[in-house]
Amino acid sequence: MSFDDNSAAIVLLAWERRLGFGDGTLSTGLERHVRHDDGATSVSFLRLFGRSALVGPGWAVEAAAGLDDDELADHSTLLRLTREHGGHGLGTAALYFADDLPLVQPSGDLSVSRDPAHALALQGLCPPDDANEFGLPKLKHSYTVMLDGGPVACGAFTEWQGIVARLGVLVAPPRRGAGLGKLAGAIAAHEALASGLVLQWRADVSNAAANATAHSLGFLRAGTQTSVLLG
């Protein structure tokens, strides 16, 4: 699906504020933008709509100066640059966005619960890695698909920087492959769109299922974020 230029500007604004840049910084050109933050506990490299930005302590920014964007988008590069400072974890996430999505109709009778307890119960049915990437504690609005009296899939979102909705989907392992994740995600997505928010989907590049769900819903992949923790 198409993605409006005004929506792209909203996304760039949200990320400028998240990374500590002034409003409009990432929209001023295609060169790499850098911000020294000697109190940072991580190093983060963003590629988004053809722009790039690096945030971290001064020593990390200086070490990255001779590397191109493709190199910095590789998690192993950031690990190498930060090894002596305890760099570890996080990895590379694909960033997807949408400002409109097609409706998804259920194939049978089901109900949708907004009770957080049902989303929490679903999380307990899933592997820890899946639950951690879903990040239920950070997602304020949940929509849990119920079948046979129990939770089978959940789409959830939270407002981010006041202008973007961060969306996540979780499906009980026995129910995967039946389109329930796409349905739950579409329900949450349309609730967020109705609130006037642009949608964001973030998925580790190695999570094939999460990336496939983003594509099936109609999201546009527009960049990546590569990060390491320090210390």
Protein backbone atom coordinates (compact mmCIF):
# COMPACT_ATOMS: atom_id res chain seq x y z
CA MET A 1 0.00 0.00 0.00
CA SER A 2 1.04 3.64 -0.48
CA PHE A 3 2.42 5.75 2.35
CA ASP A 4 1.78 9.48 2.32
CA ASP A 5 4.69 11.94 2.47
CA ASN A 6 3.00 13.73 5.37
CA SER A 7 2.89 10.45 7.28
CA ALA A 8 6.60 9.93 6.61
CA ALA A 9 7.25 13.38 8.08
CA ILE A 10 5.32 12.39 11.21
CA VAL A 11 7.39 9.22 11.57
CA LEU A 12 10.65 11.15 11.15
CA LEU A 13 9.49 13.65 13.79
CA ALA A 14 8.74 10.85 16.25
CA TRP A 15 12.19 9.33 15.76
CA GLU A 16 13.90 12.72 16.01
CA ARG A 17 12.33 13.16 19.42
CA ARG A 18 13.11 9.59 20.46
CA LEU A 19 16.79 9.98 19.54
CA GLY A 20 17.15 13.47 20.99
CA PHE A 21 17.47 15.46 17.76
CA GLY A 22 15.76 18.77 17.14
CA ASP A 23 12.49 18.74 15.24
CA GLY A 24 13.16 18.68 11.50
CA THR A 25 16.75 17.43 11.76
CA LEU A 26 16.24 14.21 9.82
CA SER A 27 14.24 15.99 7.15
CA THR A 28 16.99 18.49 6.28
CA GLY A 29 19.12 16.19 4.14
CA LEU A 30 20.22 12.67 3.33
CA GLU A 31 23.59 12.88 5.08
CA ARG A 32 24.19 10.92 8.28
CA HIS A 33 23.13 12.81 11.38
CA VAL A 34 25.06 12.16 14.59
CA ARG A 35 24.49 13.07 18.21
CA HIS A 36 27.08 12.71 20.94
CA ASP A 37 25.61 11.55 24.24
CA ASP A 38 28.33 10.66 26.71
CA GLY A 39 25.71 9.51 29.20
CA ALA A 40 24.18 7.01 26.78
CA THR A 41 23.84 3.39 27.88
CA SER A 42 23.52 2.20 24.29
CA VAL A 43 24.64 2.94 20.75
CA SER A 44 21.86 3.15 18.17
CA PHE A 45 22.02 3.47 14.38
CA LEU A 46 18.83 4.31 12.50
CA ARG A 47 18.09 4.08 8.77
CA LEU A 48 14.72 5.51 7.85
CA PHE A 49 13.24 6.78 4.57
CA GLY A 50 16.71 7.20 3.09
CA ARG A 51 18.06 9.06 6.12
CA SER A 52 20.48 7.76 8.74
CA ALA A 53 21.32 8.76 12.29
CA LEU A 54 23.78 7.58 14.93
CA VAL A 55 23.50 8.28 18.65
CA GLY A 56 26.00 7.23 21.30
CA PRO A 57 28.96 8.33 23.41
CA GLY A 58 31.57 10.48 21.70
CA TRP A 59 34.07 7.62 21.43
CA ALA A 60 31.51 5.50 19.56
CA VAL A 61 30.58 8.30 17.15
CA GLU A 62 34.27 8.91 16.41
CA ALA A 63 34.94 5.19 15.86
CA ALA A 64 32.05 5.02 13.39
CA ALA A 65 33.10 8.07 11.36
CA GLY A 66 35.00 6.04 8.77
CA LEU A 67 32.27 3.45 8.21
CA ASP A 68 29.44 3.62 5.72
CA ASP A 69 25.76 3.14 6.51
CA ASP A 70 25.67 -0.47 5.32
CA GLU A 71 28.45 -1.35 7.74
CA LEU A 72 26.81 0.40 10.70
CA ALA A 73 23.49 -1.31 9.98
CA ASP A 74 25.27 -4.64 10.58
CA HIS A 75 24.91 -5.59 14.23
CA SER A 76 28.31 -7.29 14.23
CA THR A 77 29.93 -3.94 13.34
CA LEU A 78 28.44 -2.19 16.36
CA LEU A 79 29.44 -5.11 18.57
CA ARG A 80 33.01 -4.83 17.32
CA LEU A 81 33.14 -1.05 17.86
CA THR A 82 31.83 -1.34 21.41
CA ARG A 83 33.55 -4.55 22.55
CA GLU A 84 35.92 -2.76 24.92
CA HIS A 85 32.94 -0.97 26.48
CA GLY A 86 30.87 -4.10 27.09
CA GLY A 87 28.73 -3.86 23.98
CA HIS A 88 26.13 -6.62 23.83
CA GLY A 89 22.60 -7.57 22.81
CA LEU A 90 19.66 -5.87 21.08
CA GLY A 91 20.47 -6.59 17.40
CA THR A 92 18.80 -5.20 14.27
CA ALA A 93 15.09 -4.55 13.92
CA ALA A 94 13.16 -3.89 10.73
CA LEU A 95 10.84 -0.86 10.89
CA TYR A 96 7.49 -0.92 9.09
CA PHE A 97 4.85 1.79 8.79
CA ALA A 98 1.31 2.30 7.55
CA ASP A 99 -1.24 5.11 7.46
CA ASP A 100 -4.03 2.96 6.05
CA LEU A 101 -4.67 -0.79 5.98
CA PRO A 102 -7.30 -3.04 4.41
CA LEU A 103 -9.97 -4.48 6.66
CA VAL A 104 -9.63 -8.14 7.65
CA GLN A 105 -12.86 -10.05 8.12
CA PRO A 106 -13.11 -13.06 10.49
CA SER A 107 -13.96 -16.39 8.91
CA GLY A 108 -16.32 -17.41 11.70
CA ASP A 109 -17.89 -16.40 15.00
CA LEU A 110 -15.49 -15.03 17.59
CA SER A 111 -15.33 -12.32 20.18
CA VAL A 112 -12.73 -9.67 20.96
CA SER A 113 -11.83 -8.77 24.52
CA ARG A 114 -10.24 -5.53 25.75
CA ASP A 115 -9.60 -7.03 29.17
CA PRO A 116 -5.80 -6.90 29.83
CA ALA A 117 -6.13 -10.12 31.82
CA HIS A 118 -6.95 -12.03 28.62
CA ALA A 119 -3.89 -10.61 26.86
CA LEU A 120 -1.78 -11.57 29.87
CA ALA A 121 -3.20 -15.09 29.83
CA LEU A 122 -2.32 -15.42 26.16
CA GLN A 123 1.23 -14.26 26.84
CA GLY A 124 1.56 -17.08 29.36
CA LEU A 125 0.81 -19.60 26.58
CA CYS A 126 3.68 -18.40 24.40
CA PRO A 127 7.47 -18.94 24.43
CA PRO A 128 9.39 -16.27 26.38
CA ASP A 129 11.16 -14.94 23.26
CA ASP A 130 7.82 -14.33 21.54
CA ALA A 131 6.35 -12.71 24.63
CA ASN A 132 9.38 -10.46 25.06
CA GLU A 133 9.26 -9.22 21.47
CA PHE A 134 5.52 -8.61 21.78
CA GLY A 135 6.21 -6.44 24.85
CA LEU A 136 2.74 -6.48 26.41
CA PRO A 137 3.69 -4.31 29.44
CA LYS A 138 4.50 -1.47 27.02
CA LEU A 139 1.33 -1.82 24.93
CA LYS A 140 -1.55 0.10 26.51
CA HIS A 141 -4.47 -0.95 24.31
CA SER A 142 -5.02 -4.69 23.74
CA TYR A 143 -7.57 -6.53 21.59
CA THR A 144 -7.61 -10.27 22.29
CA VAL A 145 -9.40 -12.66 19.96
CA MET A 146 -11.30 -15.27 21.96
CA LEU A 147 -12.31 -18.71 20.70
CA ASP A 148 -13.94 -21.48 22.73
CA GLY A 149 -13.77 -19.23 25.77
CA GLY A 150 -10.02 -18.73 25.68
CA PRO A 151 -7.52 -16.25 24.21
CA VAL A 152 -5.93 -17.27 20.90
CA ALA A 153 -4.44 -14.06 19.45
CA CYS A 154 -3.88 -10.47 20.49
CA GLY A 155 -3.18 -7.22 18.70
CA ALA A 156 -2.09 -4.31 20.86
CA PHE A 157 -0.68 -0.83 20.54
CA THR A 158 0.52 2.13 22.54
CA GLU A 159 0.97 5.78 21.63
CA TRP A 160 4.61 6.64 20.99
CA GLN A 161 5.84 10.23 21.04
CA GLY A 162 2.16 11.17 20.93
CA ILE A 163 1.90 10.75 17.14
CA VAL A 164 2.76 7.13 16.30
CA ALA A 165 1.20 3.83 17.40
CA ARG A 166 3.62 1.01 18.14
CA LEU A 167 1.81 -2.19 17.19
CA GLY A 168 2.42 -5.77 18.26
CA VAL A 169 0.76 -9.14 17.66
CA LEU A 170 0.93 -12.41 19.58
CA VAL A 171 -0.67 -15.75 18.69
CA ALA A 172 -0.94 -18.91 20.80
CA PRO A 173 1.41 -21.54 19.28
CA PRO A 174 -1.32 -24.14 18.53
CA ARG A 175 -3.34 -21.50 16.64
CA ARG A 176 -0.59 -20.17 14.38
CA GLY A 177 -0.88 -20.34 10.62
CA ALA A 178 -4.65 -19.79 10.60
CA GLY A 179 -4.65 -16.03 9.98
CA LEU A 180 -5.55 -15.10 13.56
CA GLY A 181 -2.45 -12.92 13.98
CA LYS A 182 -3.36 -10.95 10.88
CA LEU A 183 -6.92 -10.53 12.18
CA ALA A 184 -5.84 -9.41 15.66
CA GLY A 185 -3.26 -7.06 14.20
CA ALA A 186 -5.79 -5.49 11.85
CA ILE A 187 -8.25 -4.92 14.71
CA ALA A 188 -5.64 -3.10 16.81
CA ALA A 189 -4.30 -1.23 13.78
CA HIS A 190 -7.68 0.19 12.82
CA GLU A 191 -8.34 1.29 16.39
CA ALA A 192 -5.03 3.16 16.33
CA LEU A 193 -5.76 4.69 12.92
CA ALA A 194 -9.13 5.85 14.22
CA SER A 195 -7.23 7.69 16.96
CA GLY A 196 -5.30 9.63 14.32
CA LEU A 197 -2.00 7.77 14.77
CA VAL A 198 0.46 6.55 12.15
CA LEU A 199 1.25 2.86 12.60
CA GLN A 200 4.69 1.44 13.34
CA TRP A 201 5.65 -2.23 13.40
CA ARG A 202 9.07 -3.22 14.74
CA ALA A 203 10.40 -6.76 14.30
CA ASP A 204 13.80 -8.35 14.71
CA VAL A 205 15.14 -9.06 11.24
CA SER A 206 15.58 -12.73 12.19
CA ASN A 207 11.92 -13.14 13.24
CA ALA A 208 10.44 -14.49 10.00
CA ALA A 209 6.91 -14.79 11.39
CA ALA A 210 6.76 -11.20 12.65
CA ASN A 211 8.10 -9.82 9.37
CA ALA A 212 5.67 -11.96 7.39
CA THR A 213 2.76 -10.65 9.47
CA ALA A 214 3.81 -7.06 8.79
CA HIS A 215 3.82 -7.75 5.06
CA SER A 216 0.49 -9.57 5.17
CA LEU A 217 -1.16 -6.65 6.96
CA GLY A 218 0.07 -4.20 4.32
CA PHE A 219 2.88 -2.41 6.16
CA LEU A 220 5.70 -0.70 4.25
CA ARG A 221 9.24 -1.53 5.33
CA ALA A 222 11.05 1.83 5.55
CA GLY A 223 14.20 1.22 7.56
CA THR A 224 16.08 -0.52 10.34
CA GLN A 225 17.39 0.19 13.81
CA THR A 226 20.62 -1.47 14.93
CA SER A 227 21.55 -1.16 18.60
CA VAL A 228 23.88 -2.44 21.29
CA LEU A 229 23.79 -2.01 25.04
CA LEU A 230 26.89 -0.79 26.84
CA GLY A 231 28.45 -2.00 30.07
